Amino acid sequence: MEMALALPIVALLMASGIGAVAVVAYKLGCVARARDTALAAARGMEVPLPGGGPLLHESIEYGNDGTVTATVKIAVASCTSTAVVEQ
C-alpha cells in the first residue's frame, strides 16, 4: 500500500529534476550565444548564425562608450552580454 502512494511522488520528483536540468541547459546555451554574439560584433566579425536552437530574438546595440551589447531571448531565458569594441 505504501508503495502505491510513494510511486507518484517519486515520479513527480524525477520529472521536476529533469525539467530543472533542461532549464539550466537552455540558460547556459543562452549565455554562450549572447557572449559569442557580443564578441563577434565587437571584433567586427560576422555574427554567427543560430545553431538550430529555440532562438526567439537576438539584438545587437552599439553604445557611445565603445561597447557592444548583445541580447538573446529563447523560450525559457533572456541573456545579455557586453563586450568592448576592439580597435
PDB file of N, CA and C in Angstrom:
ATOM      1  N   MET A   1       0.807  -1.199   0.000  1.00  0.00           N
ATOM      2  CA  MET A   1       0.000   0.000   0.000  1.00  0.00           C
ATOM      3  C   MET A   1       0.855   1.269   0.000  1.00  0.00           C
ATOM      4  N   GLU A   2       1.945   1.252   0.804  1.00  0.00           N
ATOM      5  CA  GLU A   2       2.787   2.446   0.857  1.00  0.00           C
ATOM      6  C   GLU A   2       3.474   2.704  -0.490  1.00  0.00           C
ATOM      7  N   MET A   3       3.808   1.626  -1.204  1.00  0.00           N
ATOM      8  CA  MET A   3       4.460   1.769  -2.495  1.00  0.00           C
ATOM      9  C   MET A   3       3.529   2.456  -3.493  1.00  0.00           C
ATOM     10  N   ALA A   4       2.258   2.166  -3.438  1.00  0.00           N
ATOM     11  CA  ALA A   4       1.289   2.782  -4.337  1.00  0.00           C
ATOM     12  C   ALA A   4       1.163   4.279  -4.060  1.00  0.00           C
ATOM     13  N   LEU A   5       1.389   4.690  -2.847  1.00  0.00           N
ATOM     14  CA  LEU A   5       1.339   6.113  -2.518  1.00  0.00           C
ATOM     15  C   LEU A   5       2.653   6.822  -2.858  1.00  0.00           C
ATOM     16  N   ALA A   6       3.763   6.134  -2.710  1.00  0.00           N
ATOM     17  CA  ALA A   6       5.069   6.757  -2.924  1.00  0.00           C
ATOM     18  C   ALA A   6       5.435   6.867  -4.396  1.00  0.00           C
ATOM     19  N   LEU A   7       4.967   5.950  -5.232  1.00  0.00           N
ATOM     20  CA  LEU A   7       5.360   5.936  -6.631  1.00  0.00           C
ATOM     21  C   LEU A   7       5.005   7.233  -7.384  1.00  0.00           C
ATOM     22  N   PRO A   8       3.802   7.791  -7.250  1.00  0.00           N
ATOM     23  CA  PRO A   8       3.527   9.058  -7.944  1.00  0.00           C
ATOM     24  C   PRO A   8       4.400  10.214  -7.448  1.00  0.00           C
ATOM     25  N   ILE A   9       4.734  10.219  -6.170  1.00  0.00           N
ATOM     26  CA  ILE A   9       5.586  11.283  -5.639  1.00  0.00           C
ATOM     27  C   ILE A   9       7.002  11.161  -6.204  1.00  0.00           C
ATOM     28  N   VAL A  10       7.515   9.954  -6.281  1.00  0.00           N
ATOM     29  CA  VAL A  10       8.844   9.735  -6.856  1.00  0.00           C
ATOM     30  C   VAL A  10       8.848  10.134  -8.330  1.00  0.00           C
ATOM     31  N   ALA A  11       7.817   9.785  -9.059  1.00  0.00           N
ATOM     32  CA  ALA A  11       7.729  10.156 -10.477  1.00  0.00           C
ATOM     33  C   ALA A  11       7.673  11.674 -10.642  1.00  0.00           C
ATOM     34  N   LEU A  12       6.938  12.356  -9.784  1.00  0.00           N
ATOM     35  CA  LEU A  12       6.846  13.819  -9.839  1.00  0.00           C
ATOM     36  C   LEU A  12       8.200  14.456  -9.537  1.00  0.00           C
ATOM     37  N   LEU A  13       8.910  13.952  -8.541  1.00  0.00           N
ATOM     38  CA  LEU A  13      10.231  14.483  -8.221  1.00  0.00           C
ATOM     39  C   LEU A  13      11.218  14.261  -9.363  1.00  0.00           C
ATOM     40  N   MET A  14      11.156  13.121 -10.001  1.00  0.00           N
ATOM     41  CA  MET A  14      12.050  12.856 -11.130  1.00  0.00           C
ATOM     42  C   MET A  14      11.735  13.785 -12.304  1.00  0.00           C
ATOM     43  N   ALA A  15      10.466  13.985 -12.585  1.00  0.00           N
ATOM     44  CA  ALA A  15      10.087  14.877 -13.681  1.00  0.00           C
ATOM     45  C   ALA A  15      10.520  16.314 -13.385  1.00  0.00           C
ATOM     46  N   SER A  16      10.389  16.737 -12.146  1.00  0.00           N
ATOM     47  CA  SER A  16      10.822  18.087 -11.768  1.00  0.00           C
ATOM     48  C   SER A  16      12.331  18.233 -11.915  1.00  0.00           C
ATOM     49  N   GLY A  17      13.078  17.212 -11.508  1.00  0.00           N
ATOM     50  CA  GLY A  17      14.528  17.256 -11.634  1.00  0.00           C
ATOM     51  C   GLY A  17      14.987  17.312 -13.076  1.00  0.00           C
ATOM     52  N   ILE A  18      14.368  16.516 -13.925  1.00  0.00           N
ATOM     53  CA  ILE A  18      14.715  16.528 -15.349  1.00  0.00           C
ATOM     54  C   ILE A  18      14.368  17.876 -15.974  1.00  0.00           C
ATOM     55  N   GLY A  19      13.233  18.440 -15.585  1.00  0.00           N
ATOM     56  CA  GLY A  19      12.843  19.765 -16.083  1.00  0.00           C
ATOM     57  C   GLY A  19      13.822  20.844 -15.654  1.00  0.00           C
ATOM     58  N   ALA A  20      14.285  20.773 -14.409  1.00  0.00           N
ATOM     59  CA  ALA A  20      15.246  21.761 -13.915  1.00  0.00           C
ATOM     60  C   ALA A  20      16.571  21.662 -14.666  1.00  0.00           C
ATOM     61  N   VAL A  21      17.021  20.465 -14.952  1.00  0.00           N
ATOM     62  CA  VAL A  21      18.256  20.283 -15.713  1.00  0.00           C
ATOM     63  C   VAL A  21      18.102  20.852 -17.124  1.00  0.00           C
ATOM     64  N   ALA A  22      16.952  20.656 -17.728  1.00  0.00           N
ATOM     65  CA  ALA A  22      16.716  21.185 -19.079  1.00  0.00           C
ATOM     66  C   ALA A  22      16.737  22.711 -19.077  1.00  0.00           C
ATOM     67  N   VAL A  23      16.145  23.340 -18.075  1.00  0.00           N
ATOM     68  CA  VAL A  23      16.135  24.803 -17.995  1.00  0.00           C
ATOM     69  C   VAL A  23      17.549  25.341 -17.816  1.00  0.00           C
ATOM     70  N   VAL A  24      18.343  24.699 -16.986  1.00  0.00           N
ATOM     71  CA  VAL A  24      19.731  25.126 -16.788  1.00  0.00           C
ATOM     72  C   VAL A  24      20.520  24.977 -18.089  1.00  0.00           C
ATOM     73  N   ALA A  25      20.304  23.914 -18.824  1.00  0.00           N
ATOM     74  CA  ALA A  25      20.990  23.718 -20.104  1.00  0.00           C
ATOM     75  C   ALA A  25      20.610  24.811 -21.101  1.00  0.00           C
ATOM     76  N   TYR A  26      19.335  25.169 -21.167  1.00  0.00           N
ATOM     77  CA  TYR A  26      18.904  26.260 -22.054  1.00  0.00           C
ATOM     78  C   TYR A  26      19.530  27.583 -21.639  1.00  0.00           C
ATOM     79  N   LYS A  27      19.603  27.839 -20.333  1.00  0.00           N
ATOM     80  CA  LYS A  27      20.190  29.087 -19.835  1.00  0.00           C
ATOM     81  C   LYS A  27      21.673  29.166 -20.191  1.00  0.00           C
ATOM     82  N   LEU A  28      22.398  28.064 -20.031  1.00  0.00           N
ATOM     83  CA  LEU A  28      23.816  28.059 -20.395  1.00  0.00           C
ATOM     84  C   LEU A  28      24.003  28.290 -21.894  1.00  0.00           C
ATOM     85  N   GLY A  29      23.137  27.711 -22.711  1.00  0.00           N
ATOM     86  CA  GLY A  29      23.197  27.950 -24.151  1.00  0.00           C
ATOM     87  C   GLY A  29      22.905  29.392 -24.502  1.00  0.00           C
ATOM     88  N   CYS A  30      21.973  29.990 -23.772  1.00  0.00           N
ATOM     89  CA  CYS A  30      21.622  31.391 -23.992  1.00  0.00           C
ATOM     90  C   CYS A  30      22.803  32.300 -23.655  1.00  0.00           C
ATOM     91  N   VAL A  31      23.454  32.040 -22.530  1.00  0.00           N
ATOM     92  CA  VAL A  31      24.612  32.838 -22.119  1.00  0.00           C
ATOM     93  C   VAL A  31      25.744  32.709 -23.136  1.00  0.00           C
ATOM     94  N   ALA A  32      25.999  31.491 -23.595  1.00  0.00           N
ATOM     95  CA  ALA A  32      27.058  31.271 -24.587  1.00  0.00           C
ATOM     96  C   ALA A  32      26.741  31.989 -25.892  1.00  0.00           C
ATOM     97  N   ARG A  33      25.495  31.935 -26.322  1.00  0.00           N
ATOM     98  CA  ARG A  33      25.092  32.599 -27.569  1.00  0.00           C
ATOM     99  C   ARG A  33      25.248  34.119 -27.454  1.00  0.00           C
ATOM    100  N   ALA A  34      24.838  34.690 -26.327  1.00  0.00           N
ATOM    101  CA  ALA A  34      24.975  36.137 -26.124  1.00  0.00           C
ATOM    102  C   ALA A  34      26.444  36.533 -26.097  1.00  0.00           C
ATOM    103  N   ARG A  35      27.286  35.749 -25.424  1.00  0.00           N
ATOM    104  CA  ARG A  35      28.713  36.040 -25.354  1.00  0.00           C
ATOM    105  C   ARG A  35      29.356  35.986 -26.732  1.00  0.00           C
ATOM    106  N   ASP A  36      29.078  34.932 -27.486  1.00  0.00           N
ATOM    107  CA  ASP A  36      29.659  34.788 -28.819  1.00  0.00           C
ATOM    108  C   ASP A  36      29.215  35.904 -29.750  1.00  0.00           C
ATOM    109  N   THR A  37      27.955  36.286 -29.657  1.00  0.00           N
ATOM    110  CA  THR A  37      27.433  37.360 -30.500  1.00  0.00           C
ATOM    111  C   THR A  37      28.090  38.689 -30.164  1.00  0.00           C
ATOM    112  N   ALA A  38      28.213  39.012 -28.869  1.00  0.00           N
ATOM    113  CA  ALA A  38      28.830  40.275 -28.457  1.00  0.00           C
ATOM    114  C   ALA A  38      30.296  40.329 -28.856  1.00  0.00           C
ATOM    115  N   LEU A  39      31.020  39.236 -28.663  1.00  0.00           N
ATOM    116  CA  LEU A  39      32.439  39.218 -29.033  1.00  0.00           C
ATOM    117  C   LEU A  39      32.635  39.351 -30.539  1.00  0.00           C
ATOM    118  N   ALA A  40      31.825  38.653 -31.318  1.00  0.00           N
ATOM    119  CA  ALA A  40      31.948  38.744 -32.776  1.00  0.00           C
ATOM    120  C   ALA A  40      31.650  40.164 -33.257  1.00  0.00           C
ATOM    121  N   ALA A  41      30.615  40.779 -32.707  1.00  0.00           N
ATOM    122  CA  ALA A  41      30.275  42.147 -33.110  1.00  0.00           C
ATOM    123  C   ALA A  41      31.358  43.134 -32.680  1.00  0.00           C
ATOM    124  N   ALA A  42      31.926  42.939 -31.490  1.00  0.00           N
ATOM    125  CA  ALA A  42      32.969  43.842 -31.001  1.00  0.00           C
ATOM    126  C   ALA A  42      34.242  43.729 -31.826  1.00  0.00           C
ATOM    127  N   ARG A  43      34.508  42.560 -32.356  1.00  0.00           N
ATOM    128  CA  ARG A  43      35.707  42.352 -33.168  1.00  0.00           C
ATOM    129  C   ARG A  43      35.481  42.708 -34.626  1.00  0.00           C
ATOM    130  N   GLY A  44      34.270  43.088 -34.981  1.00  0.00           N
ATOM    131  CA  GLY A  44      33.962  43.439 -36.362  1.00  0.00           C
ATOM    132  C   GLY A  44      33.787  42.241 -37.259  1.00  0.00           C
ATOM    133  N   MET A  45      33.593  41.090 -36.659  1.00  0.00           N
ATOM    134  CA  MET A  45      33.418  39.859 -37.429  1.00  0.00           C
ATOM    135  C   MET A  45      31.941  39.662 -37.747  1.00  0.00           C
ATOM    136  N   GLU A  46      31.682  38.729 -38.639  1.00  0.00           N
ATOM    137  CA  GLU A  46      30.300  38.389 -38.949  1.00  0.00           C
ATOM    138  C   GLU A  46      29.706  37.634 -37.758  1.00  0.00           C
ATOM    139  N   VAL A  47      28.506  38.036 -37.360  1.00  0.00           N
ATOM    140  CA  VAL A  47      27.845  37.394 -36.223  1.00  0.00           C
ATOM    141  C   VAL A  47      27.404  36.006 -36.647  1.00  0.00           C
ATOM    142  N   PRO A  48      27.747  34.975 -35.851  1.00  0.00           N
ATOM    143  CA  PRO A  48      27.394  33.605 -36.239  1.00  0.00           C
ATOM    144  C   PRO A  48      25.891  33.380 -36.282  1.00  0.00           C
ATOM    145  N   LEU A  49      25.481  32.528 -37.188  1.00  0.00           N
ATOM    146  CA  LEU A  49      24.063  32.195 -37.304  1.00  0.00           C
ATOM    147  C   LEU A  49      23.656  31.264 -36.171  1.00  0.00           C
ATOM    148  N   PRO A  50      22.372  31.289 -35.793  1.00  0.00           N
ATOM    149  CA  PRO A  50      21.915  30.385 -34.735  1.00  0.00           C
ATOM    150  C   PRO A  50      22.178  28.935 -35.104  1.00  0.00           C
ATOM    151  N   GLY A  51      22.539  28.141 -34.100  1.00  0.00           N
ATOM    152  CA  GLY A  51      22.897  26.755 -34.334  1.00  0.00           C
ATOM    153  C   GLY A  51      21.757  25.784 -34.159  1.00  0.00           C
ATOM    154  N   GLY A  52      20.575  26.096 -34.582  1.00  0.00           N
ATOM    155  CA  GLY A  52      19.472  25.151 -34.521  1.00  0.00           C
ATOM    156  C   GLY A  52      18.826  25.032 -33.160  1.00  0.00           C
ATOM    157  N   GLY A  53      18.790  26.095 -32.405  1.00  0.00           N
ATOM    158  CA  GLY A  53      18.149  26.065 -31.092  1.00  0.00           C
ATOM    159  C   GLY A  53      16.845  26.837 -31.113  1.00  0.00           C
ATOM    160  N   PRO A  54      16.210  26.948 -29.967  1.00  0.00           N
ATOM    161  CA  PRO A  54      14.921  27.657 -29.891  1.00  0.00           C
ATOM    162  C   PRO A  54      15.101  29.167 -29.759  1.00  0.00           C
ATOM    163  N   LEU A  55      15.848  29.782 -30.661  1.00  0.00           N
ATOM    164  CA  LEU A  55      16.117  31.217 -30.607  1.00  0.00           C
ATOM    165  C   LEU A  55      14.873  31.992 -31.027  1.00  0.00           C
ATOM    166  N   LEU A  56      14.430  32.912 -30.167  1.00  0.00           N
ATOM    167  CA  LEU A  56      13.256  33.718 -30.480  1.00  0.00           C
ATOM    168  C   LEU A  56      13.632  35.109 -30.973  1.00  0.00           C
ATOM    169  N   HIS A  57      14.666  35.688 -30.350  1.00  0.00           N
ATOM    170  CA  HIS A  57      15.026  37.063 -30.704  1.00  0.00           C
ATOM    171  C   HIS A  57      16.489  37.305 -30.358  1.00  0.00           C
ATOM    172  N   GLU A  58      17.146  38.093 -31.194  1.00  0.00           N
ATOM    173  CA  GLU A  58      18.536  38.461 -30.938  1.00  0.00           C
ATOM    174  C   GLU A  58      18.734  39.895 -31.398  1.00  0.00           C
ATOM    175  N   SER A  59      19.355  40.715 -30.554  1.00  0.00           N
ATOM    176  CA  SER A  59      19.605  42.098 -30.949  1.00  0.00           C
ATOM    177  C   SER A  59      21.015  42.502 -30.542  1.00  0.00           C
ATOM    178  N   ILE A  60      21.579  43.424 -31.312  1.00  0.00           N
ATOM    179  CA  ILE A  60      22.918  43.954 -31.054  1.00  0.00           C
ATOM    180  C   ILE A  60      22.805  45.468 -31.002  1.00  0.00           C
ATOM    181  N   GLU A  61      23.328  46.055 -29.921  1.00  0.00           N
ATOM    182  CA  GLU A  61      23.308  47.512 -29.757  1.00  0.00           C
ATOM    183  C   GLU A  61      24.734  48.004 -29.559  1.00  0.00           C
ATOM    184  N   TYR A  62      25.090  49.052 -30.285  1.00  0.00           N
ATOM    185  CA  TYR A  62      26.405  49.663 -30.155  1.00  0.00           C
ATOM    186  C   TYR A  62      26.263  50.906 -29.287  1.00  0.00           C
ATOM    187  N   GLY A  63      26.991  50.945 -28.171  1.00  0.00           N
ATOM    188  CA  GLY A  63      26.921  52.079 -27.257  1.00  0.00           C
ATOM    189  C   GLY A  63      27.890  53.176 -27.642  1.00  0.00           C
ATOM    190  N   ASN A  64      27.654  54.382 -27.129  1.00  0.00           N
ATOM    191  CA  ASN A  64      28.531  55.521 -27.395  1.00  0.00           C
ATOM    192  C   ASN A  64      29.854  55.415 -26.653  1.00  0.00           C
ATOM    193  N   ASP A  65      29.923  54.531 -25.668  1.00  0.00           N
ATOM    194  CA  ASP A  65      31.131  54.381 -24.863  1.00  0.00           C
ATOM    195  C   ASP A  65      32.059  53.290 -25.389  1.00  0.00           C
ATOM    196  N   GLY A  66      31.852  52.839 -26.618  1.00  0.00           N
ATOM    197  CA  GLY A  66      32.717  51.834 -27.223  1.00  0.00           C
ATOM    198  C   GLY A  66      32.396  50.412 -26.818  1.00  0.00           C
ATOM    199  N   THR A  67      31.152  50.156 -26.471  1.00  0.00           N
ATOM    200  CA  THR A  67      30.756  48.808 -26.095  1.00  0.00           C
ATOM    201  C   THR A  67      29.699  48.280 -27.055  1.00  0.00           C
ATOM    202  N   VAL A  68      29.586  46.970 -27.077  1.00  0.00           N
ATOM    203  CA  VAL A  68      28.559  46.285 -27.852  1.00  0.00           C
ATOM    204  C   VAL A  68      27.777  45.428 -26.873  1.00  0.00           C
ATOM    205  N   THR A  69      26.456  45.522 -26.920  1.00  0.00           N
ATOM    206  CA  THR A  69      25.607  44.715 -26.048  1.00  0.00           C
ATOM    207  C   THR A  69      24.741  43.815 -26.912  1.00  0.00           C
ATOM    208  N   ALA A  70      24.839  42.527 -26.662  1.00  0.00           N
ATOM    209  CA  ALA A  70      24.037  41.543 -27.384  1.00  0.00           C
ATOM    210  C   ALA A  70      22.990  40.975 -26.428  1.00  0.00           C
ATOM    211  N   THR A  71      21.751  40.946 -26.877  1.00  0.00           N
ATOM    212  CA  THR A  71      20.656  40.376 -26.091  1.00  0.00           C
ATOM    213  C   THR A  71      20.072  39.211 -26.868  1.00  0.00           C
ATOM    214  N   VAL A  72      19.944  38.077 -26.207  1.00  0.00           N
ATOM    215  CA  VAL A  72      19.400  36.862 -26.816  1.00  0.00           C
ATOM    216  C   VAL A  72      18.213  36.410 -25.984  1.00  0.00           C
ATOM    217  N   LYS A  73      17.109  36.137 -26.648  1.00  0.00           N
ATOM    218  CA  LYS A  73      15.923  35.626 -25.964  1.00  0.00           C
ATOM    219  C   LYS A  73      15.561  34.274 -26.549  1.00  0.00           C
ATOM    220  N   ILE A  74      15.422  33.288 -25.662  1.00  0.00           N
ATOM    221  CA  ILE A  74      14.963  31.973 -26.069  1.00  0.00           C
ATOM    222  C   ILE A  74      13.687  31.677 -25.302  1.00  0.00           C
ATOM    223  N   ALA A  75      13.171  30.482 -25.445  1.00  0.00           N
ATOM    224  CA  ALA A  75      11.864  30.146 -24.874  1.00  0.00           C
ATOM    225  C   ALA A  75      11.802  30.322 -23.360  1.00  0.00           C
ATOM    226  N   VAL A  76      12.863  29.986 -22.639  1.00  0.00           N
ATOM    227  CA  VAL A  76      12.804  29.996 -21.175  1.00  0.00           C
ATOM    228  C   VAL A  76      13.753  30.995 -20.529  1.00  0.00           C
ATOM    229  N   ALA A  77      14.522  31.746 -21.305  1.00  0.00           N
ATOM    230  CA  ALA A  77      15.501  32.648 -20.708  1.00  0.00           C
ATOM    231  C   ALA A  77      15.783  33.829 -21.621  1.00  0.00           C
ATOM    232  N   SER A  78      16.322  34.867 -21.009  1.00  0.00           N
ATOM    233  CA  SER A  78      16.797  36.032 -21.733  1.00  0.00           C
ATOM    234  C   SER A  78      18.172  36.367 -21.177  1.00  0.00           C
ATOM    235  N   CYS A  79      19.157  36.558 -22.052  1.00  0.00           N
ATOM    236  CA  CYS A  79      20.532  36.777 -21.615  1.00  0.00           C
ATOM    237  C   CYS A  79      21.113  37.985 -22.329  1.00  0.00           C
ATOM    238  N   THR A  80      21.971  38.712 -21.618  1.00  0.00           N
ATOM    239  CA  THR A  80      22.621  39.872 -22.180  1.00  0.00           C
ATOM    240  C   THR A  80      24.119  39.762 -21.922  1.00  0.00           C
ATOM    241  N   SER A  81      24.905  40.168 -22.902  1.00  0.00           N
ATOM    242  CA  SER A  81      26.363  40.165 -22.764  1.00  0.00           C
ATOM    243  C   SER A  81      26.905  41.443 -23.381  1.00  0.00           C
ATOM    244  N   THR A  82      27.945  41.994 -22.755  1.00  0.00           N
ATOM    245  CA  THR A  82      28.548  43.240 -23.231  1.00  0.00           C
ATOM    246  C   THR A  82      30.027  43.008 -23.487  1.00  0.00           C
ATOM    247  N   ALA A  83      30.523  43.574 -24.582  1.00  0.00           N
ATOM    248  CA  ALA A  83      31.951  43.482 -24.929  1.00  0.00           C
ATOM    249  C   ALA A  83      32.436  44.853 -25.369  1.00  0.00           C
ATOM    250  N   VAL A  84      33.727  45.090 -25.201  1.00  0.00           N
ATOM    251  CA  VAL A  84      34.342  46.345 -25.621  1.00  0.00           C
ATOM    252  C   VAL A  84      34.781  46.212 -27.066  1.00  0.00           C
ATOM    253  N   VAL A  85      34.495  47.233 -27.860  1.00  0.00           N
ATOM    254  CA  VAL A  85      34.853  47.219 -29.278  1.00  0.00           C
ATOM    255  C   VAL A  85      36.361  47.245 -29.404  1.00  0.00           C
ATOM    256  N   GLU A  86      36.911  46.315 -30.181  1.00  0.00           N
ATOM    257  CA  GLU A  86      38.362  46.254 -30.410  1.00  0.00           C
ATOM    258  C   GLU A  86      38.726  47.164 -31.562  1.00  0.00           C
ATOM    259  N   GLN A  87      39.779  47.910 -31.389  1.00  0.00           N
ATOM    260  CA  GLN A  87      40.198  48.867 -32.403  1.00  0.00           C
ATOM    261  C   GLN A  87      41.292  48.297 -33.268  1.00  0.00           C
TER     262      GLN A  87
END
